Amino acid sequence: APVWRVGIEDPRVRGQIAEVVTLTRGGMATSGAAIRGAHVLDPRTGSAVDRPGSVTVVGPDLLWADVWATAAWVDPDAAQALMAARDPEHHLIRLDMLARMVAHRFTQDRKSVV
């Protein structure tokens, strides 16, 4: 199978890569406000989520990676707990306002999904 190295853009600096994930299958999706602005609404409050950073979800299914990334942008801690319980093959990467990886749940080598 081909190996894909996919960059996660630094949410503070367009075009700069903050992290690289190696994929051999599956998909990844990122959510945040850096490019499209505060376009995701928190269903609990009805307010747009507008904060620094981003979240990326990597896993075997692109559709669910996108769903989990949107949920994680709204509430990263709750989404991470739900993913661990309900969909453990998907993994969360959180970049804080300094574009540092602040949380992750990955396979043994911490950078790839096989």
C-alpha atoms as a PDB file:
ATOM      1  CA  ALA A   1       0.000   0.000   0.000  1.00  0.00           C
ATOM      2  CA  PRO A   2       1.236   3.523  -0.681  1.00  0.00           C
ATOM      3  CA  VAL A   3       2.401   5.625   2.233  1.00  0.00           C
ATOM      4  CA  TRP A   4       1.061   9.162   2.535  1.00  0.00           C
ATOM      5  CA  ARG A   5       2.713  11.847   4.653  1.00  0.00           C
ATOM      6  CA  VAL A   6       0.037  14.438   5.366  1.00  0.00           C
ATOM      7  CA  GLY A   7       0.819  17.782   6.956  1.00  0.00           C
ATOM      8  CA  ILE A   8      -1.361  19.508   9.523  1.00  0.00           C
ATOM      9  CA  GLU A   9      -1.192  23.224   8.914  1.00  0.00           C
ATOM     10  CA  ASP A  10      -0.162  25.526  11.747  1.00  0.00           C
ATOM     11  CA  PRO A  11      -3.421  27.315  12.616  1.00  0.00           C
ATOM     12  CA  ARG A  12      -1.470  30.532  13.238  1.00  0.00           C
ATOM     13  CA  VAL A  13       0.581  30.652  10.016  1.00  0.00           C
ATOM     14  CA  ARG A  14      -0.945  29.661   6.658  1.00  0.00           C
ATOM     15  CA  GLY A  15       1.305  27.339   4.706  1.00  0.00           C
ATOM     16  CA  GLN A  16       3.435  26.292   7.678  1.00  0.00           C
ATOM     17  CA  ILE A  17       3.242  22.660   8.784  1.00  0.00           C
ATOM     18  CA  ALA A  18       2.906  22.025  12.523  1.00  0.00           C
ATOM     19  CA  GLU A  19       2.701  18.201  12.476  1.00  0.00           C
ATOM     20  CA  VAL A  20       3.016  15.407   9.914  1.00  0.00           C
ATOM     21  CA  VAL A  21       0.982  12.201  10.034  1.00  0.00           C
ATOM     22  CA  THR A  22       1.895   9.108   8.034  1.00  0.00           C
ATOM     23  CA  LEU A  23      -1.057   7.170   6.640  1.00  0.00           C
ATOM     24  CA  THR A  24      -1.147   3.837   4.870  1.00  0.00           C
ATOM     25  CA  ARG A  25      -4.943   3.752   4.730  1.00  0.00           C
ATOM     26  CA  GLY A  26      -7.892   5.692   6.070  1.00  0.00           C
ATOM     27  CA  GLY A  27      -8.364   9.417   6.218  1.00  0.00           C
ATOM     28  CA  MET A  28      -7.926  12.518   8.306  1.00  0.00           C
ATOM     29  CA  ALA A  29      -9.928  15.677   8.851  1.00  0.00           C
ATOM     30  CA  THR A  30      -9.099  18.945  10.576  1.00  0.00           C
ATOM     31  CA  SER A  31     -11.459  21.459  12.140  1.00  0.00           C
ATOM     32  CA  GLY A  32     -10.757  24.926  13.465  1.00  0.00           C
ATOM     33  CA  ALA A  33     -11.465  28.595  12.846  1.00  0.00           C
ATOM     34  CA  ALA A  34      -8.180  29.688  11.240  1.00  0.00           C
ATOM     35  CA  ILE A  35      -9.248  29.465   7.575  1.00  0.00           C
ATOM     36  CA  ARG A  36     -13.044  29.694   7.480  1.00  0.00           C
ATOM     37  CA  GLY A  37     -13.537  31.685  10.667  1.00  0.00           C
ATOM     38  CA  ALA A  38     -15.962  30.695  13.393  1.00  0.00           C
ATOM     39  CA  HIS A  39     -18.227  28.539  11.203  1.00  0.00           C
ATOM     40  CA  VAL A  40     -18.929  25.665  13.650  1.00  0.00           C
ATOM     41  CA  LEU A  41     -21.742  26.187  16.150  1.00  0.00           C
ATOM     42  CA  ASP A  42     -21.804  24.662  19.615  1.00  0.00           C
ATOM     43  CA  PRO A  43     -25.252  23.006  19.732  1.00  0.00           C
ATOM     44  CA  ARG A  44     -25.412  23.491  23.502  1.00  0.00           C
ATOM     45  CA  THR A  45     -25.196  27.285  23.267  1.00  0.00           C
ATOM     46  CA  GLY A  46     -25.938  28.126  19.629  1.00  0.00           C
ATOM     47  CA  SER A  47     -22.751  30.210  19.587  1.00  0.00           C
ATOM     48  CA  ALA A  48     -19.915  29.905  17.097  1.00  0.00           C
ATOM     49  CA  VAL A  49     -16.730  28.257  18.371  1.00  0.00           C
ATOM     50  CA  ASP A  50     -13.949  30.809  17.923  1.00  0.00           C
ATOM     51  CA  ARG A  51     -10.657  30.105  19.631  1.00  0.00           C
ATOM     52  CA  PRO A  52      -7.044  29.547  18.601  1.00  0.00           C
ATOM     53  CA  GLY A  53      -5.764  26.112  17.631  1.00  0.00           C
ATOM     54  CA  SER A  54      -7.180  23.203  15.674  1.00  0.00           C
ATOM     55  CA  VAL A  55      -8.141  19.562  16.017  1.00  0.00           C
ATOM     56  CA  THR A  56      -7.410  16.746  13.591  1.00  0.00           C
ATOM     57  CA  VAL A  57      -8.838  13.245  13.626  1.00  0.00           C
ATOM     58  CA  VAL A  58      -7.132  10.336  11.872  1.00  0.00           C
ATOM     59  CA  GLY A  59      -8.736   6.957  11.343  1.00  0.00           C
ATOM     60  CA  PRO A  60      -9.928   4.252   8.997  1.00  0.00           C
ATOM     61  CA  ASP A  61     -12.913   6.217   7.663  1.00  0.00           C
ATOM     62  CA  LEU A  62     -12.803   9.765   6.274  1.00  0.00           C
ATOM     63  CA  LEU A  63     -16.486  10.426   6.907  1.00  0.00           C
ATOM     64  CA  TRP A  64     -16.177   9.590  10.610  1.00  0.00           C
ATOM     65  CA  ALA A  65     -12.857  11.433  10.882  1.00  0.00           C
ATOM     66  CA  ASP A  66     -14.698  14.547   9.685  1.00  0.00           C
ATOM     67  CA  VAL A  67     -17.621  14.004  12.075  1.00  0.00           C
ATOM     68  CA  TRP A  68     -15.270  13.475  15.037  1.00  0.00           C
ATOM     69  CA  ALA A  69     -13.118  16.497  14.069  1.00  0.00           C
ATOM     70  CA  THR A  70     -16.158  18.775  14.061  1.00  0.00           C
ATOM     71  CA  ALA A  71     -17.323  17.401  17.422  1.00  0.00           C
ATOM     72  CA  ALA A  72     -13.802  17.740  18.829  1.00  0.00           C
ATOM     73  CA  TRP A  73     -13.601  21.371  17.739  1.00  0.00           C
ATOM     74  CA  VAL A  74     -16.750  22.056  19.786  1.00  0.00           C
ATOM     75  CA  ASP A  75     -15.624  20.095  22.873  1.00  0.00           C
ATOM     76  CA  PRO A  76     -12.222  18.377  22.547  1.00  0.00           C
ATOM     77  CA  ASP A  77     -12.233  16.640  25.926  1.00  0.00           C
ATOM     78  CA  ALA A  78     -15.718  15.179  25.529  1.00  0.00           C
ATOM     79  CA  ALA A  79     -15.048  14.108  21.936  1.00  0.00           C
ATOM     80  CA  GLN A  80     -11.796  12.423  22.900  1.00  0.00           C
ATOM     81  CA  ALA A  81     -13.543  10.462  25.662  1.00  0.00           C
ATOM     82  CA  LEU A  82     -16.373   9.447  23.318  1.00  0.00           C
ATOM     83  CA  MET A  83     -13.955   8.384  20.572  1.00  0.00           C
ATOM     84  CA  ALA A  84     -11.999   6.251  23.025  1.00  0.00           C
ATOM     85  CA  ALA A  85     -15.201   4.543  24.171  1.00  0.00           C
ATOM     86  CA  ARG A  86     -17.132   4.266  20.899  1.00  0.00           C
ATOM     87  CA  ASP A  87     -14.645   4.473  18.033  1.00  0.00           C
ATOM     88  CA  PRO A  88     -11.142   3.637  19.280  1.00  0.00           C
ATOM     89  CA  GLU A  89      -9.692   3.298  15.766  1.00  0.00           C
ATOM     90  CA  HIS A  90      -9.959   7.079  15.305  1.00  0.00           C
ATOM     91  CA  HIS A  91      -7.287   9.264  16.908  1.00  0.00           C
ATOM     92  CA  LEU A  92      -7.331  12.904  17.972  1.00  0.00           C
ATOM     93  CA  ILE A  93      -4.539  15.454  17.561  1.00  0.00           C
ATOM     94  CA  ARG A  94      -5.046  18.832  19.250  1.00  0.00           C
ATOM     95  CA  LEU A  95      -2.915  21.855  18.456  1.00  0.00           C
ATOM     96  CA  ASP A  96      -3.051  24.672  20.972  1.00  0.00           C
ATOM     97  CA  MET A  97      -2.718  28.376  20.207  1.00  0.00           C
ATOM     98  CA  LEU A  98       1.065  27.964  19.928  1.00  0.00           C
ATOM     99  CA  ALA A  99       0.597  25.104  17.424  1.00  0.00           C
ATOM    100  CA  ARG A 100       2.027  22.583  19.886  1.00  0.00           C
ATOM    101  CA  MET A 101       0.538  19.136  20.026  1.00  0.00           C
ATOM    102  CA  VAL A 102      -1.287  19.133  23.350  1.00  0.00           C
ATOM    103  CA  ALA A 103      -3.121  15.829  23.193  1.00  0.00           C
ATOM    104  CA  HIS A 104      -3.063  12.750  21.081  1.00  0.00           C
ATOM    105  CA  ARG A 105      -4.019   9.127  21.118  1.00  0.00           C
ATOM    106  CA  PHE A 106      -2.067   7.198  18.528  1.00  0.00           C
ATOM    107  CA  THR A 107      -0.733   3.781  17.694  1.00  0.00           C
ATOM    108  CA  GLN A 108       2.607   2.592  19.082  1.00  0.00           C
ATOM    109  CA  ASP A 109       4.808   4.755  16.898  1.00  0.00           C
ATOM    110  CA  ARG A 110       2.544   7.777  17.653  1.00  0.00           C
ATOM    111  CA  LYS A 111       2.635   9.088  14.101  1.00  0.00           C
ATOM    112  CA  SER A 112       0.967   6.496  11.898  1.00  0.00           C
ATOM    113  CA  VAL A 113      -2.292   4.726  11.367  1.00  0.00           C
ATOM    114  CA  VAL A 114      -1.926   1.342   9.683  1.00  0.00           C
END
